[in-house]
Amino acid sequence: GAPTLFIIRSAYERSGLSRRDIDGRLGLTPDEFRVDGNLIVIGPIAAEDSLADVIEELEASGLVYFEDFFELSGNWPDWLRLICTTS
């Protein structure tokens, strides 16, 4: 399965990154960039090099891996749904 990025919304907003730039780089559909409460979920991201580029861009914008965002990879069965929240 393709990886998905989870970003704390406040960290994303202070980074100055734009959804338009990320959408353009990754060719995302509306369902592949989701805002839910305090989280932004981007993915699945099909190309591995695209994931590395986005992580590099997030870090260059001042975000810290695991403090502000992380990626979740794996092959999940169709019946599995993941629900995430922030504290």
PDB file of N, CA and C in Angstrom:
ATOM      1  N   GLY A   1       0.806  -1.183   0.000  1.00  0.00           N
ATOM      2  CA  GLY A   1       0.000   0.000   0.000  1.00  0.00           C
ATOM      3  C   GLY A   1       0.854   1.253   0.000  1.00  0.00           C
ATOM      4  N   ALA A   2       0.298   2.302  -0.464  1.00  0.00           N
ATOM      5  CA  ALA A   2       0.991   3.585  -0.542  1.00  0.00           C
ATOM      6  C   ALA A   2       0.935   4.296   0.807  1.00  0.00           C
ATOM      7  N   PRO A   3       1.981   5.047   1.138  1.00  0.00           N
ATOM      8  CA  PRO A   3       2.018   5.746   2.425  1.00  0.00           C
ATOM      9  C   PRO A   3       1.053   6.930   2.477  1.00  0.00           C
ATOM     10  N   THR A   4       0.713   7.296   3.696  1.00  0.00           N
ATOM     11  CA  THR A   4      -0.139   8.438   3.978  1.00  0.00           C
ATOM     12  C   THR A   4       0.561   9.311   5.008  1.00  0.00           C
ATOM     13  N   LEU A   5       0.515  10.625   4.823  1.00  0.00           N
ATOM     14  CA  LEU A   5       1.093  11.573   5.779  1.00  0.00           C
ATOM     15  C   LEU A   5       0.011  12.101   6.711  1.00  0.00           C
ATOM     16  N   PHE A   6       0.338  12.183   7.984  1.00  0.00           N
ATOM     17  CA  PHE A   6      -0.519  12.784   8.997  1.00  0.00           C
ATOM     18  C   PHE A   6       0.219  13.992   9.549  1.00  0.00           C
ATOM     19  N   ILE A   7      -0.417  15.165   9.502  1.00  0.00           N
ATOM     20  CA  ILE A   7       0.220  16.414   9.936  1.00  0.00           C
ATOM     21  C   ILE A   7      -0.696  17.100  10.946  1.00  0.00           C
ATOM     22  N   ILE A   8      -0.123  17.581  12.037  1.00  0.00           N
ATOM     23  CA  ILE A   8      -0.897  18.373  12.985  1.00  0.00           C
ATOM     24  C   ILE A   8      -1.288  19.671  12.276  1.00  0.00           C
ATOM     25  N   ARG A   9      -2.562  19.971  12.300  1.00  0.00           N
ATOM     26  CA  ARG A   9      -3.089  21.098  11.531  1.00  0.00           C
ATOM     27  C   ARG A   9      -2.395  22.421  11.867  1.00  0.00           C
ATOM     28  N   SER A  10      -2.190  22.709  13.140  1.00  0.00           N
ATOM     29  CA  SER A  10      -1.555  23.980  13.517  1.00  0.00           C
ATOM     30  C   SER A  10      -0.125  24.064  12.993  1.00  0.00           C
ATOM     31  N   ALA A  11       0.583  22.939  12.954  1.00  0.00           N
ATOM     32  CA  ALA A  11       1.947  22.929  12.420  1.00  0.00           C
ATOM     33  C   ALA A  11       1.921  23.193  10.917  1.00  0.00           C
ATOM     34  N   TYR A  12       0.983  22.564  10.215  1.00  0.00           N
ATOM     35  CA  TYR A  12       0.848  22.786   8.776  1.00  0.00           C
ATOM     36  C   TYR A  12       0.536  24.253   8.492  1.00  0.00           C
ATOM     37  N   GLU A  13      -0.389  24.818   9.239  1.00  0.00           N
ATOM     38  CA  GLU A  13      -0.796  26.205   8.999  1.00  0.00           C
ATOM     39  C   GLU A  13       0.339  27.184   9.263  1.00  0.00           C
ATOM     40  N   ARG A  14       1.164  26.929  10.247  1.00  0.00           N
ATOM     41  CA  ARG A  14       2.267  27.856  10.524  1.00  0.00           C
ATOM     42  C   ARG A  14       3.440  27.656   9.552  1.00  0.00           C
ATOM     43  N   SER A  15       3.458  26.542   8.828  1.00  0.00           N
ATOM     44  CA  SER A  15       4.562  26.260   7.899  1.00  0.00           C
ATOM     45  C   SER A  15       4.547  27.160   6.667  1.00  0.00           C
ATOM     46  N   GLY A  16       3.377  27.669   6.302  1.00  0.00           N
ATOM     47  CA  GLY A  16       3.275  28.495   5.108  1.00  0.00           C
ATOM     48  C   GLY A  16       3.120  27.702   3.822  1.00  0.00           C
ATOM     49  N   LEU A  17       3.068  26.383   3.911  1.00  0.00           N
ATOM     50  CA  LEU A  17       2.861  25.561   2.718  1.00  0.00           C
ATOM     51  C   LEU A  17       1.429  25.730   2.228  1.00  0.00           C
ATOM     52  N   SER A  18       1.240  25.573   0.926  1.00  0.00           N
ATOM     53  CA  SER A  18      -0.114  25.701   0.390  1.00  0.00           C
ATOM     54  C   SER A  18      -0.616  24.358  -0.121  1.00  0.00           C
ATOM     55  N   ARG A  19      -1.893  24.169   0.061  1.00  0.00           N
ATOM     56  CA  ARG A  19      -2.520  22.945  -0.438  1.00  0.00           C
ATOM     57  C   ARG A  19      -2.376  22.857  -1.959  1.00  0.00           C
ATOM     58  N   ARG A  20      -2.474  23.984  -2.615  1.00  0.00           N
ATOM     59  CA  ARG A  20      -2.365  24.007  -4.079  1.00  0.00           C
ATOM     60  C   ARG A  20      -1.024  23.436  -4.538  1.00  0.00           C
ATOM     61  N   ASP A  21       0.057  23.829  -3.859  1.00  0.00           N
ATOM     62  CA  ASP A  21       1.379  23.316  -4.228  1.00  0.00           C
ATOM     63  C   ASP A  21       1.478  21.809  -4.002  1.00  0.00           C
ATOM     64  N   ILE A  22       0.970  21.352  -2.867  1.00  0.00           N
ATOM     65  CA  ILE A  22       1.022  19.916  -2.570  1.00  0.00           C
ATOM     66  C   ILE A  22       0.137  19.146  -3.534  1.00  0.00           C
ATOM     67  N   ASP A  23      -1.070  19.641  -3.788  1.00  0.00           N
ATOM     68  CA  ASP A  23      -1.964  18.999  -4.756  1.00  0.00           C
ATOM     69  C   ASP A  23      -1.297  18.909  -6.124  1.00  0.00           C
ATOM     70  N   GLY A  24      -0.667  20.009  -6.546  1.00  0.00           N
ATOM     71  CA  GLY A  24      -0.016  20.037  -7.853  1.00  0.00           C
ATOM     72  C   GLY A  24       1.141  19.063  -7.953  1.00  0.00           C
ATOM     73  N   ARG A  25       1.934  18.992  -6.914  1.00  0.00           N
ATOM     74  CA  ARG A  25       3.097  18.103  -6.924  1.00  0.00           C
ATOM     75  C   ARG A  25       2.679  16.634  -6.938  1.00  0.00           C
ATOM     76  N   LEU A  26       1.657  16.301  -6.160  1.00  0.00           N
ATOM     77  CA  LEU A  26       1.274  14.898  -6.002  1.00  0.00           C
ATOM     78  C   LEU A  26       0.103  14.478  -6.880  1.00  0.00           C
ATOM     79  N   GLY A  27      -0.567  15.435  -7.510  1.00  0.00           N
ATOM     80  CA  GLY A  27      -1.730  15.096  -8.330  1.00  0.00           C
ATOM     81  C   GLY A  27      -2.850  14.483  -7.497  1.00  0.00           C
ATOM     82  N   LEU A  28      -3.139  15.095  -6.360  1.00  0.00           N
ATOM     83  CA  LEU A  28      -4.113  14.540  -5.425  1.00  0.00           C
ATOM     84  C   LEU A  28      -5.550  14.760  -5.876  1.00  0.00           C
ATOM     85  N   THR A  29      -6.391  13.818  -5.511  1.00  0.00           N
ATOM     86  CA  THR A  29      -7.832  13.999  -5.667  1.00  0.00           C
ATOM     87  C   THR A  29      -8.338  14.708  -4.408  1.00  0.00           C
ATOM     88  N   PRO A  30      -9.565  15.236  -4.428  1.00  0.00           N
ATOM     89  CA  PRO A  30     -10.091  15.888  -3.217  1.00  0.00           C
ATOM     90  C   PRO A  30     -10.084  14.974  -1.986  1.00  0.00           C
ATOM     91  N   ASP A  31     -10.271  13.681  -2.185  1.00  0.00           N
ATOM     92  CA  ASP A  31     -10.284  12.740  -1.061  1.00  0.00           C
ATOM     93  C   ASP A  31      -8.895  12.422  -0.531  1.00  0.00           C
ATOM     94  N   GLU A  32      -7.860  12.828  -1.240  1.00  0.00           N
ATOM     95  CA  GLU A  32      -6.491  12.507  -0.822  1.00  0.00           C
ATOM     96  C   GLU A  32      -5.823  13.649  -0.052  1.00  0.00           C
ATOM     97  N   PHE A  33      -6.544  14.716   0.201  1.00  0.00           N
ATOM     98  CA  PHE A  33      -6.095  15.793   1.088  1.00  0.00           C
ATOM     99  C   PHE A  33      -7.283  16.115   1.976  1.00  0.00           C
ATOM    100  N   ARG A  34      -7.222  15.606   3.201  1.00  0.00           N
ATOM    101  CA  ARG A  34      -8.368  15.739   4.092  1.00  0.00           C
ATOM    102  C   ARG A  34      -7.980  16.508   5.349  1.00  0.00           C
ATOM    103  N   VAL A  35      -8.897  17.340   5.798  1.00  0.00           N
ATOM    104  CA  VAL A  35      -8.738  18.063   7.059  1.00  0.00           C
ATOM    105  C   VAL A  35      -9.841  17.556   7.975  1.00  0.00           C
ATOM    106  N   ASP A  36      -9.428  17.029   9.121  1.00  0.00           N
ATOM    107  CA  ASP A  36     -10.389  16.479  10.072  1.00  0.00           C
ATOM    108  C   ASP A  36      -9.973  16.896  11.473  1.00  0.00           C
ATOM    109  N   GLY A  37     -10.663  17.891  12.001  1.00  0.00           N
ATOM    110  CA  GLY A  37     -10.311  18.381  13.334  1.00  0.00           C
ATOM    111  C   GLY A  37      -8.908  18.959  13.345  1.00  0.00           C
ATOM    112  N   ASN A  38      -8.057  18.415  14.182  1.00  0.00           N
ATOM    113  CA  ASN A  38      -6.684  18.911  14.322  1.00  0.00           C
ATOM    114  C   ASN A  38      -5.683  18.197  13.430  1.00  0.00           C
ATOM    115  N   LEU A  39      -6.162  17.367  12.510  1.00  0.00           N
ATOM    116  CA  LEU A  39      -5.263  16.622  11.631  1.00  0.00           C
ATOM    117  C   LEU A  39      -5.489  16.959  10.170  1.00  0.00           C
ATOM    118  N   ILE A  40      -4.394  16.923   9.428  1.00  0.00           N
ATOM    119  CA  ILE A  40      -4.443  16.954   7.970  1.00  0.00           C
ATOM    120  C   ILE A  40      -3.880  15.619   7.510  1.00  0.00           C
ATOM    121  N   VAL A  41      -4.595  14.976   6.612  1.00  0.00           N
ATOM    122  CA  VAL A  41      -4.197  13.664   6.115  1.00  0.00           C
ATOM    123  C   VAL A  41      -3.986  13.785   4.616  1.00  0.00           C
ATOM    124  N   ILE A  42      -2.782  13.433   4.166  1.00  0.00           N
ATOM    125  CA  ILE A  42      -2.434  13.512   2.751  1.00  0.00           C
ATOM    126  C   ILE A  42      -2.082  12.115   2.274  1.00  0.00           C
ATOM    127  N   GLY A  43      -2.833  11.641   1.302  1.00  0.00           N
ATOM    128  CA  GLY A  43      -2.512  10.345   0.740  1.00  0.00           C
ATOM    129  C   GLY A  43      -3.755   9.524   0.474  1.00  0.00           C
ATOM    130  N   PRO A  44      -3.517   8.365  -0.071  1.00  0.00           N
ATOM    131  CA  PRO A  44      -2.226   7.700  -0.243  1.00  0.00           C
ATOM    132  C   PRO A  44      -1.365   8.383  -1.304  1.00  0.00           C
ATOM    133  N   ILE A  45      -0.061   8.338  -1.075  1.00  0.00           N
ATOM    134  CA  ILE A  45       0.917   8.930  -1.985  1.00  0.00           C
ATOM    135  C   ILE A  45       1.540   7.790  -2.778  1.00  0.00           C
ATOM    136  N   ALA A  46       1.270   7.776  -4.081  1.00  0.00           N
ATOM    137  CA  ALA A  46       1.621   6.627  -4.905  1.00  0.00           C
ATOM    138  C   ALA A  46       3.122   6.450  -5.126  1.00  0.00           C
ATOM    139  N   ALA A  47       3.845   7.512  -5.397  1.00  0.00           N
ATOM    140  CA  ALA A  47       5.265   7.384  -5.754  1.00  0.00           C
ATOM    141  C   ALA A  47       6.152   7.623  -4.536  1.00  0.00           C
ATOM    142  N   GLU A  48       7.084   6.702  -4.287  1.00  0.00           N
ATOM    143  CA  GLU A  48       7.997   6.818  -3.142  1.00  0.00           C
ATOM    144  C   GLU A  48       8.809   8.108  -3.187  1.00  0.00           C
ATOM    145  N   ASP A  49       9.297   8.486  -4.378  1.00  0.00           N
ATOM    146  CA  ASP A  49      10.102   9.705  -4.462  1.00  0.00           C
ATOM    147  C   ASP A  49       9.258  10.941  -4.150  1.00  0.00           C
ATOM    148  N   SER A  50       7.967  10.901  -4.451  1.00  0.00           N
ATOM    149  CA  SER A  50       7.087  12.017  -4.108  1.00  0.00           C
ATOM    150  C   SER A  50       6.968  12.164  -2.602  1.00  0.00           C
ATOM    151  N   LEU A  51       6.887  11.047  -1.889  1.00  0.00           N
ATOM    152  CA  LEU A  51       6.826  11.092  -0.429  1.00  0.00           C
ATOM    153  C   LEU A  51       8.086  11.735   0.128  1.00  0.00           C
ATOM    154  N   ALA A  52       9.234  11.326  -0.356  1.00  0.00           N
ATOM    155  CA  ALA A  52      10.502  11.900   0.111  1.00  0.00           C
ATOM    156  C   ALA A  52      10.551  13.398  -0.163  1.00  0.00           C
ATOM    157  N   ASP A  53      10.066  13.817  -1.327  1.00  0.00           N
ATOM    158  CA  ASP A  53      10.053  15.244  -1.670  1.00  0.00           C
ATOM    159  C   ASP A  53       9.153  16.040  -0.724  1.00  0.00           C
ATOM    160  N   VAL A  54       7.984  15.499  -0.408  1.00  0.00           N
ATOM    161  CA  VAL A  54       7.060  16.205   0.478  1.00  0.00           C
ATOM    162  C   VAL A  54       7.634  16.275   1.891  1.00  0.00           C
ATOM    163  N   ILE A  55       8.225  15.187   2.368  1.00  0.00           N
ATOM    164  CA  ILE A  55       8.849  15.204   3.696  1.00  0.00           C
ATOM    165  C   ILE A  55       9.972  16.232   3.737  1.00  0.00           C
ATOM    166  N   GLU A  56      10.771  16.277   2.688  1.00  0.00           N
ATOM    167  CA  GLU A  56      11.850  17.269   2.615  1.00  0.00           C
ATOM    168  C   GLU A  56      11.280  18.691   2.653  1.00  0.00           C
ATOM    169  N   GLU A  57      10.189  18.912   1.936  1.00  0.00           N
ATOM    170  CA  GLU A  57       9.560  20.234   1.918  1.00  0.00           C
ATOM    171  C   GLU A  57       8.978  20.593   3.289  1.00  0.00           C
ATOM    172  N   LEU A  58       8.352  19.631   3.949  1.00  0.00           N
ATOM    173  CA  LEU A  58       7.815  19.882   5.285  1.00  0.00           C
ATOM    174  C   LEU A  58       8.929  20.260   6.254  1.00  0.00           C
ATOM    175  N   GLU A  59      10.030  19.519   6.206  1.00  0.00           N
ATOM    176  CA  GLU A  59      11.155  19.805   7.101  1.00  0.00           C
ATOM    177  C   GLU A  59      11.807  21.143   6.769  1.00  0.00           C
ATOM    178  N   ALA A  60      11.905  21.477   5.488  1.00  0.00           N
ATOM    179  CA  ALA A  60      12.474  22.766   5.086  1.00  0.00           C
ATOM    180  C   ALA A  60      11.590  23.927   5.548  1.00  0.00           C
ATOM    181  N   SER A  61      10.305  23.647   5.754  1.00  0.00           N
ATOM    182  CA  SER A  61       9.369  24.670   6.223  1.00  0.00           C
ATOM    183  C   SER A  61       9.321  24.759   7.745  1.00  0.00           C
ATOM    184  N   GLY A  62      10.183  23.994   8.409  1.00  0.00           N
ATOM    185  CA  GLY A  62      10.276  24.075   9.861  1.00  0.00           C
ATOM    186  C   GLY A  62       9.533  23.002  10.625  1.00  0.00           C
ATOM    187  N   LEU A  63       8.851  22.099   9.934  1.00  0.00           N
ATOM    188  CA  LEU A  63       8.157  21.027  10.631  1.00  0.00           C
ATOM    189  C   LEU A  63       9.154  19.940  11.021  1.00  0.00           C
ATOM    190  N   VAL A  64       8.880  19.277  12.127  1.00  0.00           N
ATOM    191  CA  VAL A  64       9.778  18.259  12.662  1.00  0.00           C
ATOM    192  C   VAL A  64       9.089  16.902  12.576  1.00  0.00           C
ATOM    193  N   TYR A  65       9.803  15.940  11.948  1.00  0.00           N
ATOM    194  CA  TYR A  65       9.256  14.594  11.805  1.00  0.00           C
ATOM    195  C   TYR A  65       8.946  14.015  13.179  1.00  0.00           C
ATOM    196  N   PHE A  66       7.819  13.448  13.317  1.00  0.00           N
ATOM    197  CA  PHE A  66       7.270  12.795  14.494  1.00  0.00           C
ATOM    198  C   PHE A  66       6.717  13.791  15.511  1.00  0.00           C
ATOM    199  N   GLU A  67       7.250  15.002  15.585  1.00  0.00           N
ATOM    200  CA  GLU A  67       6.670  16.034  16.456  1.00  0.00           C
ATOM    201  C   GLU A  67       5.463  16.687  15.782  1.00  0.00           C
ATOM    202  N   ASP A  68       5.611  16.984  14.485  1.00  0.00           N
ATOM    203  CA  ASP A  68       4.574  17.690  13.734  1.00  0.00           C
ATOM    204  C   ASP A  68       3.881  16.819  12.691  1.00  0.00           C
ATOM    205  N   PHE A  69       4.561  15.787  12.229  1.00  0.00           N
ATOM    206  CA  PHE A  69       3.988  14.929  11.186  1.00  0.00           C
ATOM    207  C   PHE A  69       4.678  13.570  11.198  1.00  0.00           C
ATOM    208  N   PHE A  70       4.041  12.599  10.562  1.00  0.00           N
ATOM    209  CA  PHE A  70       4.664  11.296  10.339  1.00  0.00           C
ATOM    210  C   PHE A  70       3.978  10.635   9.165  1.00  0.00           C
ATOM    211  N   GLU A  71       4.624   9.601   8.638  1.00  0.00           N
ATOM    212  CA  GLU A  71       4.018   8.859   7.539  1.00  0.00           C
ATOM    213  C   GLU A  71       3.703   7.457   8.020  1.00  0.00           C
ATOM    214  N   LEU A  72       2.602   6.942   7.508  1.00  0.00           N
ATOM    215  CA  LEU A  72       2.158   5.608   7.860  1.00  0.00           C
ATOM    216  C   LEU A  72       2.080   4.803   6.575  1.00  0.00           C
ATOM    217  N   SER A  73       2.884   3.769   6.512  1.00  0.00           N
ATOM    218  CA  SER A  73       2.933   2.933   5.319  1.00  0.00           C
ATOM    219  C   SER A  73       2.368   1.561   5.649  1.00  0.00           C
ATOM    220  N   GLY A  74       2.045   0.863   4.620  1.00  0.00           N
ATOM    221  CA  GLY A  74       1.636  -0.515   4.840  1.00  0.00           C
ATOM    222  C   GLY A  74       0.542  -0.961   3.904  1.00  0.00           C
ATOM    223  N   ASN A  75       0.441  -2.247   3.804  1.00  0.00           N
ATOM    224  CA  ASN A  75      -0.634  -2.861   3.043  1.00  0.00           C
ATOM    225  C   ASN A  75      -1.738  -3.210   4.022  1.00  0.00           C
ATOM    226  N   TRP A  76      -2.874  -2.565   3.873  1.00  0.00           N
ATOM    227  CA  TRP A  76      -3.994  -2.785   4.770  1.00  0.00           C
ATOM    228  C   TRP A  76      -5.109  -3.483   4.008  1.00  0.00           C
ATOM    229  N   PRO A  77      -5.811  -4.361   4.671  1.00  0.00           N
ATOM    230  CA  PRO A  77      -6.970  -4.969   4.010  1.00  0.00           C
ATOM    231  C   PRO A  77      -8.071  -3.924   3.830  1.00  0.00           C
ATOM    232  N   ASP A  78      -8.930  -4.161   2.856  1.00  0.00           N
ATOM    233  CA  ASP A  78     -10.012  -3.216   2.562  1.00  0.00           C
ATOM    234  C   ASP A  78     -10.938  -2.977   3.749  1.00  0.00           C
ATOM    235  N   TRP A  79     -11.067  -3.964   4.621  1.00  0.00           N
ATOM    236  CA  TRP A  79     -12.000  -3.840   5.741  1.00  0.00           C
ATOM    237  C   TRP A  79     -11.449  -3.010   6.895  1.00  0.00           C
ATOM    238  N   LEU A  80     -10.167  -2.656   6.866  1.00  0.00           N
ATOM    239  CA  LEU A  80      -9.568  -1.902   7.966  1.00  0.00           C
ATOM    240  C   LEU A  80      -9.749  -0.406   7.752  1.00  0.00           C
ATOM    241  N   ARG A  81     -10.270   0.271   8.752  1.00  0.00           N
ATOM    242  CA  ARG A  81     -10.395   1.722   8.752  1.00  0.00           C
ATOM    243  C   ARG A  81      -9.595   2.246   9.932  1.00  0.00           C
ATOM    244  N   LEU A  82      -8.874   3.322   9.722  1.00  0.00           N
ATOM    245  CA  LEU A  82      -8.050   3.913  10.764  1.00  0.00           C
ATOM    246  C   LEU A  82      -8.652   5.247  11.171  1.00  0.00           C
ATOM    247  N   ILE A  83      -8.856   5.438  12.450  1.00  0.00           N
ATOM    248  CA  ILE A  83      -9.392   6.691  12.969  1.00  0.00           C
ATOM    249  C   ILE A  83      -8.341   7.291  13.881  1.00  0.00           C
ATOM    250  N   CYS A  84      -7.944   8.541  13.592  1.00  0.00           N
ATOM    251  CA  CYS A  84      -6.904   9.219  14.373  1.00  0.00           C
ATOM    252  C   CYS A  84      -7.457  10.509  14.945  1.00  0.00           C
ATOM    253  N   THR A  85      -6.967  10.856  16.119  1.00  0.00           N
ATOM    254  CA  THR A  85      -7.286  12.139  16.721  1.00  0.00           C
ATOM    255  C   THR A  85      -6.030  12.698  17.363  1.00  0.00           C
ATOM    256  N   THR A  86      -6.055  13.963  17.692  1.00  0.00           N
ATOM    257  CA  THR A  86      -4.948  14.572  18.419  1.00  0.00           C
ATOM    258  C   THR A  86      -5.443  14.974  19.795  1.00  0.00           C
ATOM    259  N   SER A  87      -4.497  15.144  20.697  1.00  0.00           N
ATOM    260  CA  SER A  87      -4.892  15.529  22.059  1.00  0.00           C
ATOM    261  C   SER A  87      -4.880  17.024  22.220  1.00  0.00           C
TER     262      SER A  87
END
